[in-house]
Amino acid sequence: MAARLTLVHLKGEAELERKEAVLFEKQPDQIVRCLVQIGVDVLICGAISQALQLMLEKAGIKVVAHICGEINAVIAAYRSGGLNRPEFIMPGCREQRLGGVGGMPQCKRSKSARQGR
């Protein structure tokens, strides 16, 4: 998980506040505790471990994983319900409803990555 976060406080369609935060915690339980303490409701991220994602969801934080793009465009797409558009999905990732845990997006690894190259 990235150590730098952009925290955006939304109320309806209005963005009330945006600030940067640094996350020093490295252990999944500490990360979850920190995000809960600062009041995160939704985490939009790129790569995240399945274990951390499940822990966050169990703590009541909605996780929107495997997202990429310029921060302002990602926030605008989230606000309009458009994060499922192809330009925001990390390369190699697809929505897989069967076989994944909780319908989480799954990423295809390249043939060379699977072979350890």
C-alpha atoms as a PDB file:
ATOM      1  CA  MET A   1       0.000   0.000   0.000  1.00  0.00           C
ATOM      2  CA  ALA A   2       1.269   3.465  -0.833  1.00  0.00           C
ATOM      3  CA  ALA A   3       2.503   5.576   2.035  1.00  0.00           C
ATOM      4  CA  ARG A   4       0.995   8.804   0.662  1.00  0.00           C
ATOM      5  CA  LEU A   5      -2.759   9.300   0.634  1.00  0.00           C
ATOM      6  CA  THR A   6      -5.001  11.995  -0.771  1.00  0.00           C
ATOM      7  CA  LEU A   7      -7.942  12.428   1.574  1.00  0.00           C
ATOM      8  CA  VAL A   8     -11.055  13.926   0.007  1.00  0.00           C
ATOM      9  CA  HIS A   9     -14.052  14.865   2.123  1.00  0.00           C
ATOM     10  CA  LEU A  10     -17.206  14.812   0.009  1.00  0.00           C
ATOM     11  CA  LYS A  11     -20.722  15.788   0.981  1.00  0.00           C
ATOM     12  CA  GLY A  12     -23.143  14.936  -1.786  1.00  0.00           C
ATOM     13  CA  GLU A  13     -21.717  16.460  -4.949  1.00  0.00           C
ATOM     14  CA  ALA A  14     -19.566  18.979  -3.109  1.00  0.00           C
ATOM     15  CA  GLU A  15     -15.910  18.499  -2.290  1.00  0.00           C
ATOM     16  CA  LEU A  16     -15.468  20.059   1.138  1.00  0.00           C
ATOM     17  CA  GLU A  17     -11.793  19.399   1.715  1.00  0.00           C
ATOM     18  CA  ARG A  18      -8.764  17.764   0.155  1.00  0.00           C
ATOM     19  CA  LYS A  19      -5.492  17.116   1.957  1.00  0.00           C
ATOM     20  CA  GLU A  20      -2.447  14.891   1.767  1.00  0.00           C
ATOM     21  CA  ALA A  21      -1.553  12.416   4.500  1.00  0.00           C
ATOM     22  CA  VAL A  22       1.402  10.131   5.051  1.00  0.00           C
ATOM     23  CA  LEU A  23       0.787   6.627   6.330  1.00  0.00           C
ATOM     24  CA  PHE A  24       3.739   5.327   8.335  1.00  0.00           C
ATOM     25  CA  GLU A  25       2.132   2.033   9.361  1.00  0.00           C
ATOM     26  CA  LYS A  26       3.330  -1.071   7.547  1.00  0.00           C
ATOM     27  CA  GLN A  27       1.393  -3.936   9.163  1.00  0.00           C
ATOM     28  CA  PRO A  28      -2.116  -4.562   7.756  1.00  0.00           C
ATOM     29  CA  ASP A  29      -3.849  -4.326  11.154  1.00  0.00           C
ATOM     30  CA  GLN A  30      -2.093  -1.003  11.849  1.00  0.00           C
ATOM     31  CA  ILE A  31      -3.066   0.335   8.423  1.00  0.00           C
ATOM     32  CA  VAL A  32      -6.707  -0.607   9.018  1.00  0.00           C
ATOM     33  CA  ARG A  33      -6.702   0.955  12.487  1.00  0.00           C
ATOM     34  CA  CYS A  34      -5.186   4.186  11.146  1.00  0.00           C
ATOM     35  CA  LEU A  35      -7.660   4.500   8.265  1.00  0.00           C
ATOM     36  CA  VAL A  36     -10.588   3.849  10.609  1.00  0.00           C
ATOM     37  CA  GLN A  37      -9.270   6.449  13.079  1.00  0.00           C
ATOM     38  CA  ILE A  38      -9.015   9.159  10.430  1.00  0.00           C
ATOM     39  CA  GLY A  39     -12.528   8.371   9.218  1.00  0.00           C
ATOM     40  CA  VAL A  40     -11.933   6.820   5.793  1.00  0.00           C
ATOM     41  CA  ASP A  41     -15.184   5.456   4.324  1.00  0.00           C
ATOM     42  CA  VAL A  42     -13.904   4.576   0.838  1.00  0.00           C
ATOM     43  CA  LEU A  43     -10.387   3.690  -0.271  1.00  0.00           C
ATOM     44  CA  ILE A  44      -9.653   4.019  -3.978  1.00  0.00           C
ATOM     45  CA  CYS A  45      -6.340   2.412  -4.772  1.00  0.00           C
ATOM     46  CA  GLY A  46      -4.243   0.607  -7.333  1.00  0.00           C
ATOM     47  CA  ALA A  47      -2.547  -2.485  -6.032  1.00  0.00           C
ATOM     48  CA  ILE A  48      -3.661  -3.888  -2.678  1.00  0.00           C
ATOM     49  CA  SER A  49      -3.238  -7.300  -1.149  1.00  0.00           C
ATOM     50  CA  GLN A  50      -6.324  -9.444  -0.913  1.00  0.00           C
ATOM     51  CA  ALA A  51      -5.757  -9.858   2.843  1.00  0.00           C
ATOM     52  CA  LEU A  52      -5.596  -6.095   3.459  1.00  0.00           C
ATOM     53  CA  GLN A  53      -8.635  -5.490   1.271  1.00  0.00           C
ATOM     54  CA  LEU A  54     -10.658  -8.037   3.232  1.00  0.00           C
ATOM     55  CA  MET A  55      -9.527  -6.520   6.553  1.00  0.00           C
ATOM     56  CA  LEU A  56     -10.524  -3.031   5.414  1.00  0.00           C
ATOM     57  CA  GLU A  57     -13.925  -4.221   4.219  1.00  0.00           C
ATOM     58  CA  LYS A  58     -14.495  -6.058   7.499  1.00  0.00           C
ATOM     59  CA  ALA A  59     -13.745  -2.762   9.284  1.00  0.00           C
ATOM     60  CA  GLY A  60     -16.432  -1.042   7.188  1.00  0.00           C
ATOM     61  CA  ILE A  61     -14.214   0.638   4.599  1.00  0.00           C
ATOM     62  CA  LYS A  62     -15.341   0.182   1.005  1.00  0.00           C
ATOM     63  CA  VAL A  63     -12.363  -0.663  -1.223  1.00  0.00           C
ATOM     64  CA  VAL A  64     -12.295   0.241  -4.899  1.00  0.00           C
ATOM     65  CA  ALA A  65      -9.147  -1.541  -6.055  1.00  0.00           C
ATOM     66  CA  HIS A  66      -7.109  -1.706  -9.255  1.00  0.00           C
ATOM     67  CA  ILE A  67      -7.745   1.914 -10.211  1.00  0.00           C
ATOM     68  CA  CYS A  68      -5.232   4.104 -12.000  1.00  0.00           C
ATOM     69  CA  GLY A  69      -5.229   7.576 -13.466  1.00  0.00           C
ATOM     70  CA  GLU A  70      -4.679  11.226 -12.703  1.00  0.00           C
ATOM     71  CA  ILE A  71      -6.031  12.039  -9.223  1.00  0.00           C
ATOM     72  CA  ASN A  72      -8.504  14.752 -10.294  1.00  0.00           C
ATOM     73  CA  ALA A  73      -9.919  12.528 -13.039  1.00  0.00           C
ATOM     74  CA  VAL A  74     -10.226   9.563 -10.646  1.00  0.00           C
ATOM     75  CA  ILE A  75     -12.050  11.663  -8.046  1.00  0.00           C
ATOM     76  CA  ALA A  76     -14.384  13.105 -10.690  1.00  0.00           C
ATOM     77  CA  ALA A  77     -15.091   9.611 -12.031  1.00  0.00           C
ATOM     78  CA  TYR A  78     -15.806   8.315  -8.515  1.00  0.00           C
ATOM     79  CA  ARG A  79     -18.219  11.186  -7.874  1.00  0.00           C
ATOM     80  CA  SER A  80     -20.051  10.496 -11.139  1.00  0.00           C
ATOM     81  CA  GLY A  81     -20.032   6.697 -10.790  1.00  0.00           C
ATOM     82  CA  GLY A  82     -17.625   6.253 -13.707  1.00  0.00           C
ATOM     83  CA  LEU A  83     -14.674   4.414 -12.151  1.00  0.00           C
ATOM     84  CA  ASN A  84     -15.626   1.272 -14.067  1.00  0.00           C
ATOM     85  CA  ARG A  85     -14.610   2.920 -17.351  1.00  0.00           C
ATOM     86  CA  PRO A  86     -11.643   1.177 -19.046  1.00  0.00           C
ATOM     87  CA  GLU A  87      -9.297   4.154 -18.722  1.00  0.00           C
ATOM     88  CA  PHE A  88      -9.378   3.832 -14.910  1.00  0.00           C
ATOM     89  CA  ILE A  89      -8.815   0.080 -14.670  1.00  0.00           C
ATOM     90  CA  MET A  90      -5.178  -0.903 -14.137  1.00  0.00           C
ATOM     91  CA  PRO A  91      -3.667  -2.636 -17.164  1.00  0.00           C
ATOM     92  CA  GLY A  92      -4.065  -6.405 -16.901  1.00  0.00           C
ATOM     93  CA  CYS A  93      -7.060  -6.143 -14.544  1.00  0.00           C
ATOM     94  CA  ARG A  94     -10.635  -7.115 -15.251  1.00  0.00           C
ATOM     95  CA  GLU A  95     -13.818  -7.492 -13.244  1.00  0.00           C
ATOM     96  CA  GLN A  96     -14.284 -11.156 -12.443  1.00  0.00           C
ATOM     97  CA  ARG A  97     -17.436 -12.023 -10.528  1.00  0.00           C
ATOM     98  CA  LEU A  98     -16.813 -15.764 -10.372  1.00  0.00           C
ATOM     99  CA  GLY A  99     -13.779 -17.271  -8.731  1.00  0.00           C
ATOM    100  CA  GLY A 100     -12.656 -14.099  -6.978  1.00  0.00           C
ATOM    101  CA  VAL A 101     -13.237 -13.375  -3.334  1.00  0.00           C
ATOM    102  CA  GLY A 102     -16.290 -11.158  -2.941  1.00  0.00           C
ATOM    103  CA  GLY A 103     -16.314 -10.283  -6.630  1.00  0.00           C
ATOM    104  CA  MET A 104     -13.020  -8.415  -6.296  1.00  0.00           C
ATOM    105  CA  PRO A 105     -11.287  -7.490  -9.524  1.00  0.00           C
ATOM    106  CA  GLN A 106      -8.604  -9.946 -10.495  1.00  0.00           C
ATOM    107  CA  CYS A 107      -5.470  -9.072 -12.445  1.00  0.00           C
ATOM    108  CA  LYS A 108      -3.927 -11.267 -15.058  1.00  0.00           C
ATOM    109  CA  ARG A 109      -0.202 -11.738 -14.671  1.00  0.00           C
ATOM    110  CA  SER A 110       1.858 -11.872 -17.793  1.00  0.00           C
ATOM    111  CA  LYS A 111       3.255 -15.195 -18.914  1.00  0.00           C
ATOM    112  CA  SER A 112       6.784 -14.107 -17.954  1.00  0.00           C
ATOM    113  CA  ALA A 113       5.633 -13.038 -14.467  1.00  0.00           C
ATOM    114  CA  ARG A 114       3.978 -16.427 -13.938  1.00  0.00           C
ATOM    115  CA  GLN A 115       7.200 -18.134 -14.933  1.00  0.00           C
ATOM    116  CA  GLY A 116       9.252 -15.988 -12.562  1.00  0.00           C
ATOM    117  CA  ARG A 117      11.089 -14.004 -15.238  1.00  0.00           C
END
